[in-house]
Amino acid sequence: MHWKEHYQSRIIDAEEAARMIKSGDKVAVGHACGSPEILLDAMVARAAELENVEISHMVAMGKAEYCQPQYARSFRHNAIFVGATSRQAVAEGRADYTPRFFVEIPSLFTEGPLCPDVALITVSPPDKQGYVSLGISVDYTKDAARVAKLTIAEVNPNMPRTGGDAYLPVSEIDYFVPTDRPMLEIQPPTIGEVEKAIGSHVASLIKDGDCLQLGIGAIPDAVLTFLGEKNDLGIHSEMISDGVMGLVEAGVVTCRRKNFHPHKIVLTFAMGTAKFYEWLSDNSMIEMYPATFTNDPFVIAQNDNMVSVNSAISVDLMGQVAADAMGTKQFSGVGGQVDFVRGAARSKGGRSIIAMPATAAKGKVSRIVAGLERGQAVTTSRNDVDYIVTEFGVAHLKGRTLRERAEALIGICAPAFREGLREEYRELYGR
């Protein structure tokens, strides 16, 4: 059968698609701003007819109504990265959290416990050869779509067509639901004085020709604002947003000096504004790949001068980084932090940076602590940590003794907490 015949014969509406989901099914959902919101709305509308449907994905940037208490009998969310719309459900036991390095998340769907009965995804319209693009969400989404017993795609002309390994032939998709809804957007964050100070310190560690991994949020965006004087930066990252677009347009990010995929920005998902999505579409500089490639530390390490920049909730005086939980409460997820910390460590000239404000709760709580809270998970171990940055400076921990680490970290904590941390350090470690 010609691909056009397959495609035309499988076009249905969202309500018909939702009726294909059965009680007890495992449903994989496209990631972040690539979430298929029309299909999810139709599925939730059937809540009274369904029981024990497990819905798995990383962070949800849409409504995630299936996490609401009134749907607890119908749906149970298995979060691989907790976000604002799922945090309360996880905390109250109505949803679960599965810890996993990003590079290994696709295997949860292809050979692990989340192997899906149904995959719900968003794609671009097919091209002349009968291929759709997964656009801004390749990550685990492509792998889940290929192994699911039933794959249903929202086909949206607003989804950017991105290249690399972002394509699926229409023959591998069972049903198509046309829509022209606007893609989910993330607006640039407000950058305050603290973020600017952190951004300046991080930028001081970045050299011309470095290859960067940056996340999303006020601190990564602040870092980008201080890179205007750099030359020929490259990008190999799990994601990018509007800030990178600005640096490309300014001629700062060229990827010219990259020794691995030169002249290309390599990533696995993207989030940003409609303008950013338009810039991504059919942009020959952009290559999207599954997370099994982008986040593999051994792949990352092939980039010389790889610099990873990530954030944290707290760091203790041994250098242990807690980035995904507050005490025993799950706040987010591991994501790609450890993937890139380890990849940068193996890169020729590589560095990894954890950047965070020195305090929380409007200055009342220090993020640099003598010891992590009881039950708080360690994200990046003291054996992996390299640089820690706050608005008060830079602490280089790699290769340093525990005593030297404590001194360096106390030196970049908020001044009001320094003496107290010294006393706690002496009590805990007798030094």
Protein backbone atom coordinates (compact mmCIF):
# COMPACT_ATOMS: atom_id res chain seq x y z
CA MET A 1 0.00 0.00 0.00
CA HIS A 2 1.31 3.47 -0.89
CA TRP A 3 1.95 5.63 2.15
CA LYS A 4 -0.73 8.14 1.08
CA GLU A 5 -3.38 5.43 1.09
CA HIS A 6 -2.29 4.24 4.55
CA TYR A 7 -2.35 7.79 5.85
CA GLN A 8 -5.73 8.79 4.39
CA SER A 9 -7.42 5.56 5.45
CA ARG A 10 -6.25 5.98 9.08
CA ILE A 11 -7.41 9.56 9.74
CA ILE A 12 -9.83 9.65 12.69
CA ASP A 13 -10.99 12.20 15.26
CA ALA A 14 -9.74 12.44 18.85
CA GLU A 15 -12.87 10.90 20.34
CA GLU A 16 -12.56 7.80 18.16
CA ALA A 17 -8.87 7.56 19.05
CA ALA A 18 -9.60 7.78 22.77
CA ARG A 19 -12.10 4.91 22.51
CA MET A 20 -9.20 2.63 21.56
CA ILE A 21 -7.69 2.99 25.04
CA LYS A 22 -8.87 0.23 27.37
CA SER A 23 -8.89 -0.25 31.13
CA GLY A 24 -5.55 -1.58 32.36
CA ASP A 25 -3.62 -0.23 29.36
CA LYS A 26 -0.15 1.26 29.69
CA VAL A 27 -0.07 4.54 27.80
CA ALA A 28 3.18 6.31 26.82
CA VAL A 29 2.77 10.03 26.20
CA GLY A 30 4.98 12.35 24.14
CA HIS A 31 7.31 14.52 26.19
CA ALA A 32 7.10 18.13 27.42
CA CYS A 33 5.86 20.62 24.80
CA GLY A 34 5.43 17.74 22.36
CA SER A 35 2.53 16.45 24.46
CA PRO A 36 -0.57 15.42 22.41
CA GLU A 37 -3.04 17.62 24.26
CA ILE A 38 -6.07 16.95 22.05
CA LEU A 39 -5.71 13.19 22.52
CA LEU A 40 -5.19 13.54 26.27
CA ASP A 41 -8.31 15.71 26.60
CA ALA A 42 -10.33 13.05 24.77
CA MET A 43 -8.90 10.31 26.97
CA VAL A 44 -9.75 12.19 30.17
CA ALA A 45 -13.28 12.77 28.85
CA ARG A 46 -13.69 8.97 28.95
CA ALA A 47 -12.57 8.71 32.57
CA ALA A 48 -15.88 7.26 33.78
CA GLU A 49 -15.45 4.32 31.37
CA LEU A 50 -11.85 3.50 32.31
CA GLU A 51 -10.01 1.96 35.26
CA ASN A 52 -6.31 1.61 36.09
CA VAL A 53 -4.87 3.18 32.95
CA GLU A 54 -1.16 3.85 33.60
CA ILE A 55 0.13 7.00 31.94
CA SER A 56 3.91 7.36 31.68
CA HIS A 57 6.05 10.27 30.54
CA MET A 58 8.70 12.71 31.66
CA VAL A 59 7.74 16.27 32.55
CA ALA A 60 4.27 17.39 31.46
CA MET A 61 3.99 20.97 30.23
CA GLY A 62 0.26 20.68 29.56
CA LYS A 63 -2.68 20.32 31.94
CA ALA A 64 -2.11 16.69 32.96
CA GLU A 65 -5.70 16.52 34.22
CA TYR A 66 -5.38 12.76 34.72
CA CYS A 67 -3.32 13.59 37.82
CA GLN A 68 -6.31 15.25 39.52
CA PRO A 69 -7.86 13.43 42.53
CA GLN A 70 -11.25 12.91 40.84
CA TYR A 71 -9.57 10.68 38.23
CA ALA A 72 -7.64 8.46 40.64
CA ARG A 73 -9.76 5.38 39.87
CA SER A 74 -9.36 5.82 36.12
CA PHE A 75 -5.73 6.90 35.73
CA ARG A 76 -2.46 6.47 37.55
CA HIS A 77 0.51 8.51 36.43
CA ASN A 78 4.00 7.00 36.45
CA ALA A 79 6.29 10.05 36.36
CA ILE A 80 9.83 9.67 35.09
CA PHE A 81 10.33 13.37 35.84
CA VAL A 82 8.02 15.16 38.27
CA GLY A 83 6.68 18.56 37.24
CA ALA A 84 4.32 21.21 38.54
CA THR A 85 1.19 19.39 37.35
CA SER A 86 2.20 16.01 38.80
CA ARG A 87 4.06 16.95 41.99
CA GLN A 88 1.04 16.94 44.30
CA ALA A 89 -0.25 13.61 42.93
CA VAL A 90 3.15 11.99 43.58
CA ALA A 91 3.35 13.52 47.07
CA GLU A 92 -0.13 12.25 47.94
CA GLY A 93 0.49 8.75 46.60
CA ARG A 94 -1.94 9.02 43.68
CA ALA A 95 0.98 8.86 41.23
CA ASP A 96 4.36 7.17 41.21
CA TYR A 97 7.90 8.27 40.43
CA THR A 98 10.44 6.09 38.64
CA PRO A 99 14.07 7.26 38.99
CA ARG A 100 16.15 6.81 35.86
CA PHE A 101 19.03 8.51 34.06
CA PHE A 102 17.69 10.17 30.91
CA VAL A 103 19.93 8.07 28.64
CA GLU A 104 18.23 4.95 30.00
CA ILE A 105 14.63 6.16 29.90
CA PRO A 106 13.90 4.93 26.34
CA SER A 107 14.73 1.39 27.47
CA LEU A 108 11.93 1.57 30.05
CA PHE A 109 9.57 1.60 27.08
CA THR A 110 11.41 -0.70 24.68
CA GLU A 111 12.39 -3.50 27.05
CA GLY A 112 11.32 -2.51 30.54
CA PRO A 113 8.23 -2.31 32.71
CA LEU A 114 6.67 0.59 30.78
CA CYS A 115 6.41 -1.19 27.42
CA PRO A 116 3.26 0.53 26.11
CA ASP A 117 0.00 -0.79 24.87
CA VAL A 118 -0.68 2.66 23.43
CA ALA A 119 1.61 5.56 22.49
CA LEU A 120 0.13 9.04 22.09
CA ILE A 121 2.43 11.44 20.25
CA THR A 122 2.49 14.67 18.22
CA VAL A 123 4.08 14.87 14.76
CA SER A 124 4.37 17.18 11.78
CA PRO A 125 2.40 16.47 8.59
CA PRO A 126 4.08 13.91 6.32
CA ASP A 127 6.59 15.01 3.70
CA LYS A 128 6.62 13.92 0.07
CA GLN A 129 8.33 10.65 1.01
CA GLY A 130 5.74 9.80 3.66
CA TYR A 131 7.76 10.66 6.77
CA VAL A 132 6.57 12.71 9.72
CA SER A 133 8.89 14.50 12.11
CA LEU A 134 8.67 14.21 15.89
CA GLY A 135 9.85 17.81 15.95
CA ILE A 136 10.55 19.06 19.45
CA SER A 137 10.18 15.71 21.24
CA VAL A 138 12.36 12.82 20.06
CA ASP A 139 13.89 11.80 23.44
CA TYR A 140 12.06 8.60 24.50
CA THR A 141 9.01 9.42 22.36
CA LYS A 142 10.34 7.87 19.16
CA ASP A 143 11.28 4.61 20.87
CA ALA A 144 7.93 4.36 22.65
CA ALA A 145 6.05 5.01 19.41
CA ARG A 146 7.95 2.29 17.56
CA VAL A 147 7.30 -0.47 20.12
CA ALA A 148 3.75 0.34 21.20
CA LYS A 149 1.03 -2.09 20.18
CA LEU A 150 -0.99 0.92 19.04
CA THR A 151 0.48 4.33 18.08
CA ILE A 152 -1.81 7.32 17.61
CA ALA A 153 -0.43 10.66 16.44
CA GLU A 154 -1.78 14.17 16.50
CA VAL A 155 -0.73 15.61 13.15
CA ASN A 156 -0.06 19.30 13.66
CA PRO A 157 1.33 21.74 11.08
CA ASN A 158 2.61 23.84 13.98
CA MET A 159 5.02 21.07 15.00
CA PRO A 160 8.47 22.03 13.65
CA ARG A 161 10.02 19.68 11.13
CA THR A 162 13.40 18.81 12.63
CA GLY A 163 16.03 16.53 11.15
CA GLY A 164 18.67 14.13 12.39
CA ASP A 165 16.88 11.02 13.64
CA ALA A 166 13.53 12.70 14.25
CA TYR A 167 11.56 10.98 11.49
CA LEU A 168 9.01 8.17 11.45
CA PRO A 169 7.43 6.66 8.32
CA VAL A 170 3.64 6.93 8.40
CA SER A 171 3.53 3.14 8.02
CA GLU A 172 4.74 2.84 11.64
CA ILE A 173 1.81 4.88 12.96
CA ASP A 174 -1.62 3.29 13.28
CA TYR A 175 -3.94 6.30 13.38
CA PHE A 176 -3.73 10.04 12.69
CA VAL A 177 -5.71 12.84 14.32
CA PRO A 178 -5.38 16.17 12.46
CA THR A 179 -5.24 19.33 14.55
CA ASP A 180 -3.91 22.86 14.18
CA ARG A 181 -3.83 23.74 17.88
CA PRO A 182 -0.94 25.98 18.95
CA MET A 183 2.04 24.07 20.32
CA LEU A 184 2.67 24.34 24.05
CA GLU A 185 5.03 27.23 24.71
CA ILE A 186 7.48 28.22 27.43
CA GLN A 187 8.14 31.93 27.80
CA PRO A 188 11.64 33.17 28.70
CA PRO A 189 12.04 33.49 32.48
CA THR A 190 12.69 36.68 34.40
CA ILE A 191 16.37 37.06 35.19
CA GLY A 192 17.13 38.76 38.52
CA GLU A 193 20.34 40.09 40.03
CA VAL A 194 21.18 36.75 41.67
CA GLU A 195 20.84 34.90 38.36
CA LYS A 196 22.95 37.56 36.62
CA ALA A 197 25.75 37.14 39.18
CA ILE A 198 25.63 33.35 38.79
CA GLY A 199 25.58 33.69 35.00
CA SER A 200 28.66 35.90 35.08
CA HIS A 201 30.61 33.38 37.20
CA VAL A 202 29.60 30.46 34.97
CA ALA A 203 30.51 32.40 31.83
CA SER A 204 34.00 32.95 33.25
CA LEU A 205 34.54 29.18 33.05
CA ILE A 206 33.52 28.99 29.38
CA LYS A 207 36.13 29.47 26.66
CA ASP A 208 35.96 30.19 22.96
CA GLY A 209 35.18 27.02 21.02
CA ASP A 210 33.64 25.15 23.97
CA CYS A 211 30.71 22.79 23.37
CA LEU A 212 27.85 23.48 25.78
CA GLN A 213 24.99 21.67 27.44
CA LEU A 214 22.51 24.03 29.06
CA GLY A 215 19.11 23.44 30.60
CA ILE A 216 16.13 25.76 30.82
CA GLY A 217 15.31 28.41 33.38
CA ALA A 218 16.58 31.70 34.73
CA ILE A 219 20.13 30.52 35.48
CA PRO A 220 20.86 28.93 32.06
CA ASP A 221 19.31 31.95 30.36
CA ALA A 222 21.43 34.25 32.52
CA VAL A 223 24.54 32.31 31.48
CA LEU A 224 23.62 32.81 27.83
CA THR A 225 23.41 36.60 28.30
CA PHE A 226 27.08 36.66 29.34
CA LEU A 227 28.34 34.70 26.35
CA GLY A 228 28.03 37.50 23.78
CA GLU A 229 31.79 38.06 23.67
CA LYS A 230 32.62 34.37 23.15
CA ASN A 231 33.43 32.91 19.77
CA ASP A 232 32.49 29.72 17.92
CA LEU A 233 30.61 28.00 20.73
CA GLY A 234 28.99 24.66 19.99
CA ILE A 235 25.93 22.89 21.40
CA HIS A 236 25.43 19.22 22.28
CA SER A 237 22.59 19.24 24.80
CA GLU A 238 19.53 17.34 25.83
CA MET A 239 17.50 20.47 25.11
CA ILE A 240 17.65 24.12 24.07
CA SER A 241 15.30 27.09 24.14
CA ASP A 242 15.04 30.65 22.81
CA GLY A 243 18.36 31.77 24.32
CA VAL A 244 20.40 29.52 22.04
CA MET A 245 18.48 30.83 19.03
CA GLY A 246 19.61 34.34 19.99
CA LEU A 247 23.25 33.31 20.22
CA VAL A 248 23.10 31.59 16.83
CA GLU A 249 21.61 34.70 15.26
CA ALA A 250 24.33 36.80 16.94
CA GLY A 251 27.07 34.59 15.49
CA VAL A 252 28.24 33.37 18.91
CA VAL A 253 27.07 29.78 18.51
CA THR A 254 28.43 28.51 15.20
CA CYS A 255 29.41 24.91 16.06
CA ARG A 256 32.32 25.51 13.68
CA ARG A 257 34.93 24.20 16.12
CA LYS A 258 33.00 21.08 17.11
CA ASN A 259 35.02 17.97 16.35
CA PHE A 260 31.90 15.78 16.65
CA HIS A 261 28.95 16.69 14.41
CA PRO A 262 30.60 19.98 13.36
CA HIS A 263 28.31 22.86 12.34
CA LYS A 264 25.36 21.06 13.99
CA ILE A 265 23.38 21.67 17.18
CA VAL A 266 22.63 18.22 18.61
CA LEU A 267 19.72 17.74 21.05
CA THR A 268 16.85 15.45 21.95
CA PHE A 269 13.98 17.84 22.83
CA ALA A 270 13.20 21.54 22.77
CA MET A 271 10.92 23.96 24.59
CA GLY A 272 10.30 27.62 23.89
CA THR A 273 8.15 30.16 22.12
CA ALA A 274 6.30 29.95 18.81
CA LYS A 275 9.05 32.10 17.27
CA PHE A 276 11.63 29.59 18.44
CA TYR A 277 9.66 26.67 16.99
CA GLU A 278 9.46 28.47 13.65
CA TRP A 279 13.25 28.93 13.76
CA LEU A 280 13.76 25.22 14.47
CA SER A 281 11.62 24.06 11.56
CA ASP A 282 13.62 22.89 8.54
CA ASN A 283 16.74 24.41 10.12
CA SER A 284 19.67 22.45 8.70
CA MET A 285 21.78 23.32 11.75
CA ILE A 286 19.47 21.34 14.06
CA GLU A 287 19.86 17.59 14.53
CA MET A 288 17.48 15.78 16.88
CA TYR A 289 18.22 12.27 18.17
CA PRO A 290 16.79 9.89 20.77
CA ALA A 291 18.19 10.30 24.28
CA THR A 292 20.02 6.99 23.90
CA PHE A 293 22.38 8.94 21.62
CA THR A 294 22.40 12.53 22.86
CA ASN A 295 22.70 11.58 26.54
CA ASP A 296 25.08 8.67 26.28
CA PRO A 297 28.16 9.77 28.29
CA PHE A 298 30.43 8.03 25.80
CA VAL A 299 28.80 9.94 22.93
CA ILE A 300 28.93 13.22 24.86
CA ALA A 301 32.62 12.67 25.58
CA GLN A 302 33.40 12.64 21.86
CA ASN A 303 32.91 16.41 21.96
CA ASP A 304 36.20 18.04 22.96
CA ASN A 305 35.90 20.85 25.54
CA MET A 306 32.42 19.73 26.60
CA VAL A 307 30.95 21.96 29.31
CA SER A 308 27.76 20.93 31.11
CA VAL A 309 25.77 23.45 33.14
CA ASN A 310 23.07 22.16 35.49
CA SER A 311 21.38 23.26 38.69
CA ALA A 312 20.68 21.90 42.17
CA ILE A 313 18.44 22.19 45.19
CA SER A 314 21.28 21.81 47.68
CA VAL A 315 24.92 20.73 47.94
CA ASP A 316 26.55 19.39 51.10
CA LEU A 317 30.08 20.07 52.28
CA MET A 318 31.36 16.80 50.79
CA GLY A 319 30.16 17.91 47.36
CA GLN A 320 27.08 15.70 47.13
CA VAL A 321 24.51 17.33 44.84
CA ALA A 322 20.78 16.97 45.49
CA ALA A 323 18.96 18.21 42.41
CA ASP A 324 15.68 16.30 42.20
CA ALA A 325 14.28 15.97 45.74
CA MET A 326 13.65 18.12 48.80
CA GLY A 327 14.19 15.79 51.70
CA THR A 328 12.02 12.78 50.92
CA LYS A 329 9.68 14.77 48.64
CA GLN A 330 10.25 14.27 44.94
CA PHE A 331 10.51 17.67 43.27
CA SER A 332 11.62 16.92 39.70
CA GLY A 333 13.84 14.15 38.30
CA VAL A 334 17.41 13.23 37.52
CA GLY A 335 17.02 14.13 33.86
CA GLY A 336 20.31 14.36 32.03
CA GLN A 337 22.42 15.93 34.76
CA VAL A 338 24.50 12.85 35.54
CA ASP A 339 24.67 11.83 31.87
CA PHE A 340 26.34 15.13 31.01
CA VAL A 341 28.45 15.41 34.16
CA ARG A 342 30.00 12.05 33.32
CA GLY A 343 30.24 12.79 29.61
CA ALA A 344 32.00 16.10 30.28
CA ALA A 345 34.40 14.34 32.66
CA ARG A 346 35.51 12.05 29.84
CA SER A 347 35.74 14.83 27.28
CA LYS A 348 39.15 16.21 26.34
CA GLY A 349 39.20 19.58 28.11
CA GLY A 350 35.71 18.97 29.54
CA ARG A 351 34.17 20.56 32.64
CA SER A 352 30.89 20.20 34.51
CA ILE A 353 29.25 23.02 36.45
CA ILE A 354 26.45 22.93 39.02
CA ALA A 355 25.03 26.44 39.40
CA MET A 356 22.47 27.51 41.99
CA PRO A 357 21.47 30.45 44.20
CA ALA A 358 23.23 30.34 47.57
CA THR A 359 19.94 30.58 49.48
CA ALA A 360 16.27 29.67 49.34
CA ALA A 361 13.16 30.98 51.13
CA LYS A 362 14.10 34.62 50.47
CA GLY A 363 17.54 34.22 52.01
CA LYS A 364 16.44 32.37 55.13
CA VAL A 365 17.82 28.95 54.14
CA SER A 366 21.27 28.08 52.84
CA ARG A 367 21.42 25.77 49.83
CA ILE A 368 24.95 24.81 50.82
CA VAL A 369 24.49 22.57 53.85
CA ALA A 370 26.68 20.57 56.22
CA GLY A 371 24.76 17.40 55.35
CA LEU A 372 21.78 16.59 53.15
CA GLU A 373 18.41 16.09 54.78
CA ARG A 374 17.50 12.65 56.06
CA GLY A 375 16.18 10.61 53.15
CA GLN A 376 17.22 13.14 50.50
CA ALA A 377 18.44 11.48 47.31
CA VAL A 378 21.87 12.28 45.89
CA THR A 379 21.71 13.19 42.20
CA THR A 380 25.37 13.79 41.37
CA SER A 381 27.81 12.01 43.68
CA ARG A 382 30.78 13.59 45.40
CA ASN A 383 32.95 11.44 43.13
CA ASP A 384 31.52 13.06 40.00
CA VAL A 385 31.19 16.70 41.06
CA ASP A 386 33.47 19.28 39.44
CA TYR A 387 32.54 22.99 39.80
CA ILE A 388 29.88 24.49 42.09
CA VAL A 389 28.82 28.09 41.38
CA THR A 390 26.66 30.52 43.37
CA GLU A 391 26.28 34.27 43.14
CA PHE A 392 29.18 34.50 45.62
CA GLY A 393 31.74 32.73 43.46
CA VAL A 394 33.14 29.46 42.12
CA ALA A 395 34.27 26.37 44.06
CA HIS A 396 36.35 23.82 42.17
CA LEU A 397 35.91 20.49 43.97
CA LYS A 398 37.31 17.85 41.63
CA GLY A 399 40.49 16.33 43.06
CA ARG A 400 40.15 18.17 46.35
CA THR A 401 40.10 16.63 49.83
CA LEU A 402 36.96 16.72 51.95
CA ARG A 403 38.50 19.46 54.07
CA GLU A 404 39.38 21.52 51.01
CA ARG A 405 35.90 21.02 49.57
CA ALA A 406 34.25 22.22 52.76
CA GLU A 407 36.42 25.35 52.81
CA ALA A 408 35.71 26.11 49.16
CA LEU A 409 31.95 25.61 49.51
CA ILE A 410 31.71 27.68 52.68
CA GLY A 411 33.52 30.39 50.74
CA ILE A 412 30.68 30.64 48.18
CA CYS A 413 27.72 30.26 50.53
CA ALA A 414 25.83 33.32 51.73
CA PRO A 415 27.99 35.20 54.28
CA ALA A 416 25.35 34.94 57.02
CA PHE A 417 25.69 31.13 57.03
CA ARG A 418 29.45 30.75 56.84
CA GLU A 419 30.36 30.60 60.51
CA GLY A 420 27.46 28.28 61.31
CA LEU A 421 28.57 25.90 58.55
CA ARG A 422 32.13 25.92 59.89
CA GLU A 423 30.83 24.91 63.33
CA GLU A 424 28.63 22.17 61.87
CA TYR A 425 31.54 20.87 59.83
CA ARG A 426 33.72 20.61 62.95
CA GLU A 427 30.93 18.83 64.85
CA LEU A 428 30.27 16.35 62.05
CA TYR A 429 33.80 15.66 60.90
CA GLY A 430 35.97 16.70 63.85
CA ARG A 431 38.20 18.87 61.70
